[in-house]
């Protein structure tokens, strides 16, 4: 009888763990469904739903075009005369900021066509090089995709002669770019990483697809635990856009980036679906205006960030071997 108790305890512990996981998932799904029901009965929610459906239709039409690789197209100058004064001021005040190349990376089972509107708007606002890339649809590992991203970044830097780049990742693309920045030294060359609806804490929806890549996007996966590890001295600025109406990231709050060592700014939306994040006008405006900050303002921003990081290192007793940012 004595020898059967430990085995019984283990079975009960396993059953309790499974029950807790299932209960948590059901609770998250219930909260998401409740929020969706409230959202879709509001005027803004219905507009968001209509935008999501319209962009899905347009995106499906553009998808075949997006399979073709895009070539880097540096602009010799920036045309802003067609813009209203408010938008024109985003880039005229600092052409150097507008000249930093921007690399766009799509999400799972997608291609660069998801950034058709986003890239066009950035170019209209004066950004000289906006380049969207494709990674293989057969990619089954975030680390492999991050290595591919490193190659794309280096080729873009070589083609433009720029020391640093901005990266914008939609959905999975943001997780891939974050892995490159945090775990592969990409913070040395990535000035700003923008994530649009990226599952920084995973998505319970990923549990429904028995694919290796989806398993990496489940809450608590090995990849996500790696990204939660300390990243002292990380020099990349993070701009995070997330929506409470996101139907792919469940629960939606998992698109938020919470890490004590990272410099994060956040835009929270209430009425935009997952696919429509790159075409939402507020997203485009916020990303463009933040990337186009003047160098003086950015240097002051970095000084504040560096003081915060040094204070964090002193409190935890960690020491960084990386030099402070000079961006």
C-alpha atoms as a PDB file:
ATOM      1  CA  UNK A   1       0.000   0.000   0.000  1.00  0.00           C
ATOM      2  CA  UNK A   2       2.868   2.363   0.918  1.00  0.00           C
ATOM      3  CA  UNK A   3       4.472   1.939  -2.519  1.00  0.00           C
ATOM      4  CA  UNK A   4       1.256   2.801  -4.337  1.00  0.00           C
ATOM      5  CA  UNK A   5       0.841   6.236  -2.744  1.00  0.00           C
ATOM      6  CA  UNK A   6       3.651   8.059  -4.617  1.00  0.00           C
ATOM      7  CA  UNK A   7       2.331   6.771  -7.932  1.00  0.00           C
ATOM      8  CA  UNK A   8      -1.156   7.871  -7.028  1.00  0.00           C
ATOM      9  CA  UNK A   9       0.152  11.272  -5.974  1.00  0.00           C
ATOM     10  CA  UNK A  10       1.912  11.655  -9.321  1.00  0.00           C
ATOM     11  CA  UNK A  11      -1.262  10.777 -11.211  1.00  0.00           C
ATOM     12  CA  UNK A  12      -3.247  13.269  -9.162  1.00  0.00           C
ATOM     13  CA  UNK A  13      -0.593  15.947  -9.766  1.00  0.00           C
ATOM     14  CA  UNK A  14      -0.679  15.295 -13.510  1.00  0.00           C
ATOM     15  CA  UNK A  15      -4.473  15.389 -13.541  1.00  0.00           C
ATOM     16  CA  UNK A  16      -4.473  18.627 -11.534  1.00  0.00           C
ATOM     17  CA  UNK A  17      -1.946  20.176 -13.945  1.00  0.00           C
ATOM     18  CA  UNK A  18      -3.994  19.199 -16.987  1.00  0.00           C
ATOM     19  CA  UNK A  19      -7.187  20.461 -15.345  1.00  0.00           C
ATOM     20  CA  UNK A  20      -5.540  23.782 -14.443  1.00  0.00           C
ATOM     21  CA  UNK A  21      -4.232  24.227 -17.997  1.00  0.00           C
ATOM     22  CA  UNK A  22      -7.609  23.395 -19.551  1.00  0.00           C
ATOM     23  CA  UNK A  23      -9.437  25.641 -17.074  1.00  0.00           C
ATOM     24  CA  UNK A  24      -7.045  28.524 -17.816  1.00  0.00           C
ATOM     25  CA  UNK A  25      -7.448  28.087 -21.568  1.00  0.00           C
ATOM     26  CA  UNK A  26     -11.237  27.905 -21.316  1.00  0.00           C
ATOM     27  CA  UNK A  27     -11.225  31.003 -19.111  1.00  0.00           C
ATOM     28  CA  UNK A  28      -9.063  32.914 -21.624  1.00  0.00           C
ATOM     29  CA  UNK A  29     -11.257  31.827 -24.508  1.00  0.00           C
ATOM     30  CA  UNK A  30     -14.354  32.812 -22.536  1.00  0.00           C
ATOM     31  CA  UNK A  31     -12.928  36.262 -21.794  1.00  0.00           C
ATOM     32  CA  UNK A  32     -11.967  36.717 -25.449  1.00  0.00           C
ATOM     33  CA  UNK A  33     -15.419  35.659 -26.598  1.00  0.00           C
ATOM     34  CA  UNK A  34     -17.072  37.990 -24.107  1.00  0.00           C
ATOM     35  CA  UNK A  35     -14.960  40.913 -25.222  1.00  0.00           C
ATOM     36  CA  UNK A  36     -15.621  40.079 -28.875  1.00  0.00           C
ATOM     37  CA  UNK A  37     -19.355  40.041 -28.229  1.00  0.00           C
ATOM     38  CA  UNK A  38     -19.204  43.461 -26.574  1.00  0.00           C
ATOM     39  CA  UNK A  39     -16.945  44.851 -29.300  1.00  0.00           C
ATOM     40  CA  UNK A  40     -19.042  43.683 -32.224  1.00  0.00           C
ATOM     41  CA  UNK A  41     -22.134  45.341 -30.787  1.00  0.00           C
ATOM     42  CA  UNK A  42     -20.405  48.749 -30.806  1.00  0.00           C
ATOM     43  CA  UNK A  43     -20.091  51.074 -33.796  1.00  0.00           C
ATOM     44  CA  UNK A  44     -16.278  51.105 -33.675  1.00  0.00           C
ATOM     45  CA  UNK A  45     -16.174  47.330 -33.346  1.00  0.00           C
ATOM     46  CA  UNK A  46     -18.394  46.890 -36.378  1.00  0.00           C
ATOM     47  CA  UNK A  47     -16.158  49.265 -38.349  1.00  0.00           C
ATOM     48  CA  UNK A  48     -13.144  47.230 -37.273  1.00  0.00           C
ATOM     49  CA  UNK A  49     -14.846  44.021 -38.324  1.00  0.00           C
ATOM     50  CA  UNK A  50     -15.711  45.546 -41.706  1.00  0.00           C
ATOM     51  CA  UNK A  51     -12.091  46.674 -42.197  1.00  0.00           C
ATOM     52  CA  UNK A  52     -10.816  43.212 -41.294  1.00  0.00           C
ATOM     53  CA  UNK A  53     -13.129  41.603 -43.856  1.00  0.00           C
ATOM     54  CA  UNK A  54     -12.323  44.133 -46.577  1.00  0.00           C
ATOM     55  CA  UNK A  55      -8.572  43.817 -46.072  1.00  0.00           C
ATOM     56  CA  UNK A  56      -8.819  40.002 -46.002  1.00  0.00           C
ATOM     57  CA  UNK A  57     -10.496  40.108 -49.418  1.00  0.00           C
ATOM     58  CA  UNK A  58      -7.920  42.529 -50.816  1.00  0.00           C
ATOM     59  CA  UNK A  59      -5.045  40.600 -49.278  1.00  0.00           C
ATOM     60  CA  UNK A  60      -6.163  37.329 -50.857  1.00  0.00           C
ATOM     61  CA  UNK A  61      -6.131  39.075 -54.242  1.00  0.00           C
ATOM     62  CA  UNK A  62      -2.640  40.479 -53.620  1.00  0.00           C
ATOM     63  CA  UNK A  63      -1.215  37.274 -52.141  1.00  0.00           C
ATOM     64  CA  UNK A  64       0.092  35.791 -55.454  1.00  0.00           C
ATOM     65  CA  UNK A  65       1.944  39.030 -56.212  1.00  0.00           C
ATOM     66  CA  UNK A  66       3.560  38.904 -52.783  1.00  0.00           C
ATOM     67  CA  UNK A  67       5.187  35.555 -53.579  1.00  0.00           C
ATOM     68  CA  UNK A  68       7.640  37.378 -55.864  1.00  0.00           C
ATOM     69  CA  UNK A  69      10.735  38.632 -54.051  1.00  0.00           C
ATOM     70  CA  UNK A  70      11.032  42.401 -53.796  1.00  0.00           C
ATOM     71  CA  UNK A  71      14.241  44.162 -54.804  1.00  0.00           C
ATOM     72  CA  UNK A  72      15.728  46.959 -52.726  1.00  0.00           C
ATOM     73  CA  UNK A  73      14.660  50.300 -54.189  1.00  0.00           C
ATOM     74  CA  UNK A  74      16.589  53.162 -52.582  1.00  0.00           C
ATOM     75  CA  UNK A  75      15.152  56.589 -53.304  1.00  0.00           C
ATOM     76  CA  UNK A  76      17.543  59.399 -54.066  1.00  0.00           C
ATOM     77  CA  UNK A  77      15.229  61.935 -52.448  1.00  0.00           C
ATOM     78  CA  UNK A  78      11.978  62.112 -50.536  1.00  0.00           C
ATOM     79  CA  UNK A  79       8.835  63.619 -52.026  1.00  0.00           C
ATOM     80  CA  UNK A  80       6.553  65.128 -49.413  1.00  0.00           C
ATOM     81  CA  UNK A  81       4.856  67.870 -51.420  1.00  0.00           C
ATOM     82  CA  UNK A  82       1.678  65.791 -51.820  1.00  0.00           C
ATOM     83  CA  UNK A  83       1.254  65.416 -48.054  1.00  0.00           C
ATOM     84  CA  UNK A  84      -0.727  67.681 -45.736  1.00  0.00           C
ATOM     85  CA  UNK A  85       1.454  69.777 -43.356  1.00  0.00           C
ATOM     86  CA  UNK A  86       0.978  67.506 -40.330  1.00  0.00           C
ATOM     87  CA  UNK A  87       2.201  64.412 -42.178  1.00  0.00           C
ATOM     88  CA  UNK A  88       4.907  66.368 -44.025  1.00  0.00           C
ATOM     89  CA  UNK A  89       6.417  67.509 -40.747  1.00  0.00           C
ATOM     90  CA  UNK A  90       7.039  63.900 -39.719  1.00  0.00           C
ATOM     91  CA  UNK A  91      10.032  63.602 -42.014  1.00  0.00           C
ATOM     92  CA  UNK A  92      11.137  67.043 -43.178  1.00  0.00           C
ATOM     93  CA  UNK A  93      12.446  67.915 -39.711  1.00  0.00           C
ATOM     94  CA  UNK A  94      14.849  64.992 -39.788  1.00  0.00           C
ATOM     95  CA  UNK A  95      15.771  63.547 -43.205  1.00  0.00           C
ATOM     96  CA  UNK A  96      18.508  61.449 -41.584  1.00  0.00           C
ATOM     97  CA  UNK A  97      15.880  59.563 -39.575  1.00  0.00           C
ATOM     98  CA  UNK A  98      13.788  59.110 -42.706  1.00  0.00           C
ATOM     99  CA  UNK A  99      16.836  57.677 -44.478  1.00  0.00           C
ATOM    100  CA  UNK A 100      17.215  54.707 -42.110  1.00  0.00           C
ATOM    101  CA  UNK A 101      16.169  51.565 -44.040  1.00  0.00           C
ATOM    102  CA  UNK A 102      13.020  49.783 -42.872  1.00  0.00           C
ATOM    103  CA  UNK A 103      12.725  45.991 -43.216  1.00  0.00           C
ATOM    104  CA  UNK A 104       9.245  44.407 -43.096  1.00  0.00           C
ATOM    105  CA  UNK A 105       8.731  40.767 -42.092  1.00  0.00           C
ATOM    106  CA  UNK A 106       5.359  38.986 -42.368  1.00  0.00           C
ATOM    107  CA  UNK A 107       3.594  36.431 -40.176  1.00  0.00           C
ATOM    108  CA  UNK A 108       2.883  32.709 -40.407  1.00  0.00           C
ATOM    109  CA  UNK A 109       1.605  31.344 -43.763  1.00  0.00           C
ATOM    110  CA  UNK A 110       1.729  34.862 -45.202  1.00  0.00           C
ATOM    111  CA  UNK A 111       4.022  36.873 -47.471  1.00  0.00           C
ATOM    112  CA  UNK A 112       5.153  40.446 -48.022  1.00  0.00           C
ATOM    113  CA  UNK A 113       1.805  41.429 -49.594  1.00  0.00           C
ATOM    114  CA  UNK A 114       0.402  41.989 -46.085  1.00  0.00           C
ATOM    115  CA  UNK A 115       2.527  45.173 -46.020  1.00  0.00           C
ATOM    116  CA  UNK A 116       1.301  46.570 -49.363  1.00  0.00           C
ATOM    117  CA  UNK A 117      -0.548  49.501 -47.791  1.00  0.00           C
ATOM    118  CA  UNK A 118       1.869  49.933 -44.885  1.00  0.00           C
ATOM    119  CA  UNK A 119       4.941  50.163 -47.134  1.00  0.00           C
ATOM    120  CA  UNK A 120       3.196  52.573 -49.500  1.00  0.00           C
ATOM    121  CA  UNK A 121       2.249  54.886 -46.649  1.00  0.00           C
ATOM    122  CA  UNK A 122       5.774  54.892 -45.211  1.00  0.00           C
ATOM    123  CA  UNK A 123       7.195  55.800 -48.620  1.00  0.00           C
ATOM    124  CA  UNK A 124       4.590  58.558 -49.052  1.00  0.00           C
ATOM    125  CA  UNK A 125       5.666  60.010 -45.728  1.00  0.00           C
ATOM    126  CA  UNK A 126       9.249  60.267 -46.927  1.00  0.00           C
ATOM    127  CA  UNK A 127      11.057  57.121 -45.773  1.00  0.00           C
ATOM    128  CA  UNK A 128      13.669  56.392 -48.397  1.00  0.00           C
ATOM    129  CA  UNK A 129      14.063  52.591 -48.235  1.00  0.00           C
ATOM    130  CA  UNK A 130      11.155  50.354 -47.226  1.00  0.00           C
ATOM    131  CA  UNK A 131      11.864  46.727 -48.110  1.00  0.00           C
ATOM    132  CA  UNK A 132       9.542  43.744 -47.473  1.00  0.00           C
ATOM    133  CA  UNK A 133      10.936  40.204 -47.411  1.00  0.00           C
ATOM    134  CA  UNK A 134       9.575  36.662 -47.554  1.00  0.00           C
ATOM    135  CA  UNK A 135      10.747  33.718 -45.524  1.00  0.00           C
ATOM    136  CA  UNK A 136       9.881  30.140 -46.433  1.00  0.00           C
ATOM    137  CA  UNK A 137       6.314  28.959 -45.812  1.00  0.00           C
ATOM    138  CA  UNK A 138       7.893  25.667 -44.749  1.00  0.00           C
ATOM    139  CA  UNK A 139       9.794  27.293 -41.891  1.00  0.00           C
ATOM    140  CA  UNK A 140       9.215  25.237 -38.781  1.00  0.00           C
ATOM    141  CA  UNK A 141      11.486  26.961 -36.300  1.00  0.00           C
ATOM    142  CA  UNK A 142      11.763  30.545 -35.034  1.00  0.00           C
ATOM    143  CA  UNK A 143      15.534  30.240 -34.673  1.00  0.00           C
ATOM    144  CA  UNK A 144      15.975  29.199 -38.319  1.00  0.00           C
ATOM    145  CA  UNK A 145      13.836  32.112 -39.480  1.00  0.00           C
ATOM    146  CA  UNK A 146      15.844  34.478 -37.247  1.00  0.00           C
ATOM    147  CA  UNK A 147      19.071  33.329 -38.937  1.00  0.00           C
ATOM    148  CA  UNK A 148      17.460  34.047 -42.319  1.00  0.00           C
ATOM    149  CA  UNK A 149      16.430  37.470 -41.065  1.00  0.00           C
ATOM    150  CA  UNK A 150      20.025  38.224 -40.077  1.00  0.00           C
ATOM    151  CA  UNK A 151      21.080  37.555 -43.658  1.00  0.00           C
ATOM    152  CA  UNK A 152      18.373  39.894 -44.981  1.00  0.00           C
ATOM    153  CA  UNK A 153      19.446  42.635 -42.580  1.00  0.00           C
ATOM    154  CA  UNK A 154      23.091  42.368 -43.611  1.00  0.00           C
ATOM    155  CA  UNK A 155      22.219  42.470 -47.310  1.00  0.00           C
ATOM    156  CA  UNK A 156      20.017  45.524 -46.779  1.00  0.00           C
ATOM    157  CA  UNK A 157      22.768  47.313 -44.865  1.00  0.00           C
ATOM    158  CA  UNK A 158      25.262  46.499 -47.600  1.00  0.00           C
ATOM    159  CA  UNK A 159      22.922  47.691 -50.361  1.00  0.00           C
ATOM    160  CA  UNK A 160      22.124  50.976 -48.630  1.00  0.00           C
ATOM    161  CA  UNK A 161      25.367  51.679 -46.807  1.00  0.00           C
ATOM    162  CA  UNK A 162      23.453  52.139 -43.561  1.00  0.00           C
ATOM    163  CA  UNK A 163      24.870  51.121 -40.192  1.00  0.00           C
ATOM    164  CA  UNK A 164      21.463  50.484 -38.649  1.00  0.00           C
ATOM    165  CA  UNK A 165      17.968  49.505 -39.768  1.00  0.00           C
ATOM    166  CA  UNK A 166      14.423  49.507 -38.442  1.00  0.00           C
ATOM    167  CA  UNK A 167      12.476  46.224 -38.513  1.00  0.00           C
ATOM    168  CA  UNK A 168       8.689  45.877 -38.548  1.00  0.00           C
ATOM    169  CA  UNK A 169       7.226  42.435 -37.832  1.00  0.00           C
ATOM    170  CA  UNK A 170       3.578  41.422 -38.156  1.00  0.00           C
ATOM    171  CA  UNK A 171       2.412  38.564 -35.925  1.00  0.00           C
ATOM    172  CA  UNK A 172       5.035  35.776 -35.999  1.00  0.00           C
ATOM    173  CA  UNK A 173       7.383  38.165 -37.816  1.00  0.00           C
ATOM    174  CA  UNK A 174       7.685  40.211 -34.640  1.00  0.00           C
ATOM    175  CA  UNK A 175       8.677  37.147 -32.595  1.00  0.00           C
ATOM    176  CA  UNK A 176      11.290  36.148 -35.194  1.00  0.00           C
ATOM    177  CA  UNK A 177      12.749  39.659 -35.198  1.00  0.00           C
ATOM    178  CA  UNK A 178      12.710  39.810 -31.408  1.00  0.00           C
ATOM    179  CA  UNK A 179      14.647  36.532 -31.215  1.00  0.00           C
ATOM    180  CA  UNK A 180      17.234  37.957 -33.618  1.00  0.00           C
ATOM    181  CA  UNK A 181      17.554  41.133 -31.554  1.00  0.00           C
ATOM    182  CA  UNK A 182      17.658  39.546 -28.090  1.00  0.00           C
ATOM    183  CA  UNK A 183      19.364  36.215 -28.675  1.00  0.00           C
ATOM    184  CA  UNK A 184      21.608  36.736 -31.713  1.00  0.00           C
ATOM    185  CA  UNK A 185      23.107  40.176 -31.133  1.00  0.00           C
ATOM    186  CA  UNK A 186      20.787  41.904 -33.577  1.00  0.00           C
ATOM    187  CA  UNK A 187      20.444  44.864 -31.206  1.00  0.00           C
ATOM    188  CA  UNK A 188      23.823  46.042 -32.532  1.00  0.00           C
ATOM    189  CA  UNK A 189      22.240  46.911 -35.897  1.00  0.00           C
ATOM    190  CA  UNK A 190      18.466  47.101 -35.296  1.00  0.00           C
ATOM    191  CA  UNK A 191      17.650  50.615 -34.121  1.00  0.00           C
ATOM    192  CA  UNK A 192      13.914  50.043 -33.627  1.00  0.00           C
ATOM    193  CA  UNK A 193      11.789  46.901 -33.742  1.00  0.00           C
ATOM    194  CA  UNK A 194       8.067  47.406 -34.360  1.00  0.00           C
ATOM    195  CA  UNK A 195       5.742  44.488 -33.619  1.00  0.00           C
ATOM    196  CA  UNK A 196       2.151  44.418 -34.870  1.00  0.00           C
ATOM    197  CA  UNK A 197      -0.052  41.856 -33.124  1.00  0.00           C
ATOM    198  CA  UNK A 198       2.882  39.604 -32.198  1.00  0.00           C
ATOM    199  CA  UNK A 199       2.308  36.836 -29.622  1.00  0.00           C
ATOM    200  CA  UNK A 200       5.045  37.877 -27.181  1.00  0.00           C
ATOM    201  CA  UNK A 201       3.488  35.672 -24.508  1.00  0.00           C
ATOM    202  CA  UNK A 202       2.087  33.129 -26.961  1.00  0.00           C
ATOM    203  CA  UNK A 203      -1.451  32.438 -28.132  1.00  0.00           C
ATOM    204  CA  UNK A 204      -3.773  29.675 -27.002  1.00  0.00           C
ATOM    205  CA  UNK A 205      -5.009  29.478 -30.581  1.00  0.00           C
ATOM    206  CA  UNK A 206      -1.625  27.953 -31.493  1.00  0.00           C
ATOM    207  CA  UNK A 207      -2.569  24.856 -29.468  1.00  0.00           C
ATOM    208  CA  UNK A 208      -5.108  23.951 -32.150  1.00  0.00           C
ATOM    209  CA  UNK A 209      -2.483  23.394 -34.885  1.00  0.00           C
ATOM    210  CA  UNK A 210      -0.143  20.386 -34.366  1.00  0.00           C
ATOM    211  CA  UNK A 211       2.796  22.039 -36.165  1.00  0.00           C
ATOM    212  CA  UNK A 212       6.305  22.556 -34.723  1.00  0.00           C
ATOM    213  CA  UNK A 213       6.166  26.304 -35.370  1.00  0.00           C
ATOM    214  CA  UNK A 214       2.766  26.602 -33.682  1.00  0.00           C
ATOM    215  CA  UNK A 215       4.050  24.710 -30.655  1.00  0.00           C
ATOM    216  CA  UNK A 216       6.728  27.396 -30.314  1.00  0.00           C
ATOM    217  CA  UNK A 217       3.973  30.006 -30.151  1.00  0.00           C
ATOM    218  CA  UNK A 218       2.066  28.318 -27.332  1.00  0.00           C
ATOM    219  CA  UNK A 219       2.236  30.135 -23.972  1.00  0.00           C
ATOM    220  CA  UNK A 220       5.196  28.912 -21.935  1.00  0.00           C
ATOM    221  CA  UNK A 221       7.056  27.348 -24.870  1.00  0.00           C
ATOM    222  CA  UNK A 222      10.847  26.957 -24.801  1.00  0.00           C
ATOM    223  CA  UNK A 223      11.311  29.783 -27.326  1.00  0.00           C
ATOM    224  CA  UNK A 224       9.157  32.198 -25.325  1.00  0.00           C
ATOM    225  CA  UNK A 225      10.977  31.247 -22.116  1.00  0.00           C
ATOM    226  CA  UNK A 226      14.254  32.106 -23.868  1.00  0.00           C
ATOM    227  CA  UNK A 227      12.884  35.513 -24.766  1.00  0.00           C
ATOM    228  CA  UNK A 228      11.849  36.064 -21.154  1.00  0.00           C
ATOM    229  CA  UNK A 229      15.451  35.610 -19.998  1.00  0.00           C
ATOM    230  CA  UNK A 230      17.450  38.706 -18.950  1.00  0.00           C
ATOM    231  CA  UNK A 231      18.607  40.964 -21.795  1.00  0.00           C
ATOM    232  CA  UNK A 232      20.712  43.615 -20.017  1.00  0.00           C
ATOM    233  CA  UNK A 233      22.005  46.414 -22.217  1.00  0.00           C
ATOM    234  CA  UNK A 234      19.737  45.630 -25.181  1.00  0.00           C
ATOM    235  CA  UNK A 235      20.131  48.647 -27.488  1.00  0.00           C
ATOM    236  CA  UNK A 236      17.015  48.211 -29.621  1.00  0.00           C
ATOM    237  CA  UNK A 237      13.901  50.291 -28.999  1.00  0.00           C
ATOM    238  CA  UNK A 238      10.616  48.327 -29.189  1.00  0.00           C
ATOM    239  CA  UNK A 239       7.359  49.769 -30.519  1.00  0.00           C
ATOM    240  CA  UNK A 240       4.465  47.420 -29.777  1.00  0.00           C
ATOM    241  CA  UNK A 241       1.021  47.677 -31.381  1.00  0.00           C
ATOM    242  CA  UNK A 242      -1.729  45.417 -30.058  1.00  0.00           C
ATOM    243  CA  UNK A 243      -5.509  45.321 -30.249  1.00  0.00           C
ATOM    244  CA  UNK A 244      -8.200  44.121 -27.884  1.00  0.00           C
ATOM    245  CA  UNK A 245     -10.115  42.908 -30.946  1.00  0.00           C
ATOM    246  CA  UNK A 246      -7.297  40.631 -32.153  1.00  0.00           C
ATOM    247  CA  UNK A 247      -8.921  37.311 -33.030  1.00  0.00           C
ATOM    248  CA  UNK A 248      -5.646  35.395 -33.477  1.00  0.00           C
ATOM    249  CA  UNK A 249      -3.801  36.246 -30.257  1.00  0.00           C
ATOM    250  CA  UNK A 250      -5.789  34.675 -27.399  1.00  0.00           C
ATOM    251  CA  UNK A 251      -5.845  36.233 -24.890  1.00  0.00           C
ATOM    252  CA  UNK A 252      -5.213  39.529 -26.651  1.00  0.00           C
ATOM    253  CA  UNK A 253      -3.054  40.881 -23.821  1.00  0.00           C
ATOM    254  CA  UNK A 254      -0.384  38.356 -24.831  1.00  0.00           C
ATOM    255  CA  UNK A 255       0.556  40.767 -27.642  1.00  0.00           C
ATOM    256  CA  UNK A 256       1.924  43.157 -25.043  1.00  0.00           C
ATOM    257  CA  UNK A 257       5.659  43.065 -24.364  1.00  0.00           C
ATOM    258  CA  UNK A 258       6.568  42.959 -20.703  1.00  0.00           C
ATOM    259  CA  UNK A 259      10.315  42.652 -20.060  1.00  0.00           C
ATOM    260  CA  UNK A 260      12.260  44.630 -17.436  1.00  0.00           C
ATOM    261  CA  UNK A 261      15.377  45.008 -19.618  1.00  0.00           C
ATOM    262  CA  UNK A 262      13.692  46.227 -22.795  1.00  0.00           C
ATOM    263  CA  UNK A 263      12.819  49.768 -23.836  1.00  0.00           C
ATOM    264  CA  UNK A 264       9.174  49.459 -24.894  1.00  0.00           C
ATOM    265  CA  UNK A 265       6.595  51.962 -26.151  1.00  0.00           C
ATOM    266  CA  UNK A 266       3.064  50.719 -26.728  1.00  0.00           C
ATOM    267  CA  UNK A 267       0.021  51.592 -28.829  1.00  0.00           C
ATOM    268  CA  UNK A 268      -3.181  49.941 -27.623  1.00  0.00           C
ATOM    269  CA  UNK A 269      -6.177  49.733 -29.977  1.00  0.00           C
ATOM    270  CA  UNK A 270      -9.713  48.557 -29.247  1.00  0.00           C
ATOM    271  CA  UNK A 271     -11.261  47.934 -32.634  1.00  0.00           C
ATOM    272  CA  UNK A 272      -8.761  46.459 -35.115  1.00  0.00           C
ATOM    273  CA  UNK A 273      -8.546  42.817 -36.168  1.00  0.00           C
ATOM    274  CA  UNK A 274      -5.287  40.896 -36.445  1.00  0.00           C
ATOM    275  CA  UNK A 275      -4.880  41.066 -40.215  1.00  0.00           C
ATOM    276  CA  UNK A 276      -5.872  44.741 -40.460  1.00  0.00           C
ATOM    277  CA  UNK A 277      -3.223  46.048 -38.039  1.00  0.00           C
ATOM    278  CA  UNK A 278      -0.788  46.972 -40.873  1.00  0.00           C
ATOM    279  CA  UNK A 279      -3.495  48.969 -42.705  1.00  0.00           C
ATOM    280  CA  UNK A 280      -4.995  50.779 -39.721  1.00  0.00           C
ATOM    281  CA  UNK A 281      -4.369  54.526 -40.119  1.00  0.00           C
ATOM    282  CA  UNK A 282      -3.570  55.009 -36.412  1.00  0.00           C
ATOM    283  CA  UNK A 283      -0.948  52.265 -36.583  1.00  0.00           C
ATOM    284  CA  UNK A 284       0.706  53.809 -39.638  1.00  0.00           C
ATOM    285  CA  UNK A 285       0.646  57.321 -38.158  1.00  0.00           C
ATOM    286  CA  UNK A 286       2.082  56.252 -34.789  1.00  0.00           C
ATOM    287  CA  UNK A 287       4.832  54.096 -36.281  1.00  0.00           C
ATOM    288  CA  UNK A 288       5.818  56.712 -38.881  1.00  0.00           C
ATOM    289  CA  UNK A 289       5.879  59.608 -36.420  1.00  0.00           C
ATOM    290  CA  UNK A 290       7.852  57.629 -33.825  1.00  0.00           C
ATOM    291  CA  UNK A 291      10.443  56.405 -36.331  1.00  0.00           C
ATOM    292  CA  UNK A 292      10.825  59.968 -37.639  1.00  0.00           C
ATOM    293  CA  UNK A 293      11.723  61.501 -34.303  1.00  0.00           C
ATOM    294  CA  UNK A 294      14.481  64.072 -34.533  1.00  0.00           C
ATOM    295  CA  UNK A 295      17.982  62.973 -33.583  1.00  0.00           C
ATOM    296  CA  UNK A 296      18.119  65.358 -30.619  1.00  0.00           C
ATOM    297  CA  UNK A 297      14.877  63.980 -29.174  1.00  0.00           C
ATOM    298  CA  UNK A 298      16.061  60.431 -29.764  1.00  0.00           C
ATOM    299  CA  UNK A 299      19.398  61.042 -28.033  1.00  0.00           C
ATOM    300  CA  UNK A 300      17.578  62.390 -24.992  1.00  0.00           C
ATOM    301  CA  UNK A 301      15.249  59.371 -25.109  1.00  0.00           C
ATOM    302  CA  UNK A 302      18.288  57.065 -25.183  1.00  0.00           C
ATOM    303  CA  UNK A 303      19.943  58.861 -22.265  1.00  0.00           C
ATOM    304  CA  UNK A 304      16.831  58.318 -20.162  1.00  0.00           C
ATOM    305  CA  UNK A 305      16.699  54.677 -21.246  1.00  0.00           C
ATOM    306  CA  UNK A 306      20.397  54.112 -20.475  1.00  0.00           C
ATOM    307  CA  UNK A 307      19.995  55.580 -16.988  1.00  0.00           C
ATOM    308  CA  UNK A 308      17.061  53.248 -16.396  1.00  0.00           C
ATOM    309  CA  UNK A 309      19.059  50.239 -17.630  1.00  0.00           C
ATOM    310  CA  UNK A 310      22.075  51.104 -15.474  1.00  0.00           C
ATOM    311  CA  UNK A 311      19.788  51.435 -12.465  1.00  0.00           C
ATOM    312  CA  UNK A 312      18.249  48.035 -13.241  1.00  0.00           C
ATOM    313  CA  UNK A 313      21.694  46.450 -13.519  1.00  0.00           C
ATOM    314  CA  UNK A 314      22.797  47.911 -10.180  1.00  0.00           C
ATOM    315  CA  UNK A 315      19.633  46.680  -8.439  1.00  0.00           C
ATOM    316  CA  UNK A 316      20.026  43.131  -9.769  1.00  0.00           C
ATOM    317  CA  UNK A 317      23.818  42.995  -9.500  1.00  0.00           C
ATOM    318  CA  UNK A 318      24.208  42.181 -13.219  1.00  0.00           C
ATOM    319  CA  UNK A 319      26.869  43.796 -15.381  1.00  0.00           C
ATOM    320  CA  UNK A 320      26.612  44.393 -19.113  1.00  0.00           C
ATOM    321  CA  UNK A 321      29.611  43.982 -21.404  1.00  0.00           C
ATOM    322  CA  UNK A 322      27.872  45.886 -24.215  1.00  0.00           C
ATOM    323  CA  UNK A 323      28.578  49.553 -24.900  1.00  0.00           C
ATOM    324  CA  UNK A 324      25.816  52.081 -24.377  1.00  0.00           C
ATOM    325  CA  UNK A 325      23.711  53.040 -27.364  1.00  0.00           C
ATOM    326  CA  UNK A 326      24.924  55.955 -29.445  1.00  0.00           C
ATOM    327  CA  UNK A 327      21.943  55.964 -31.810  1.00  0.00           C
END
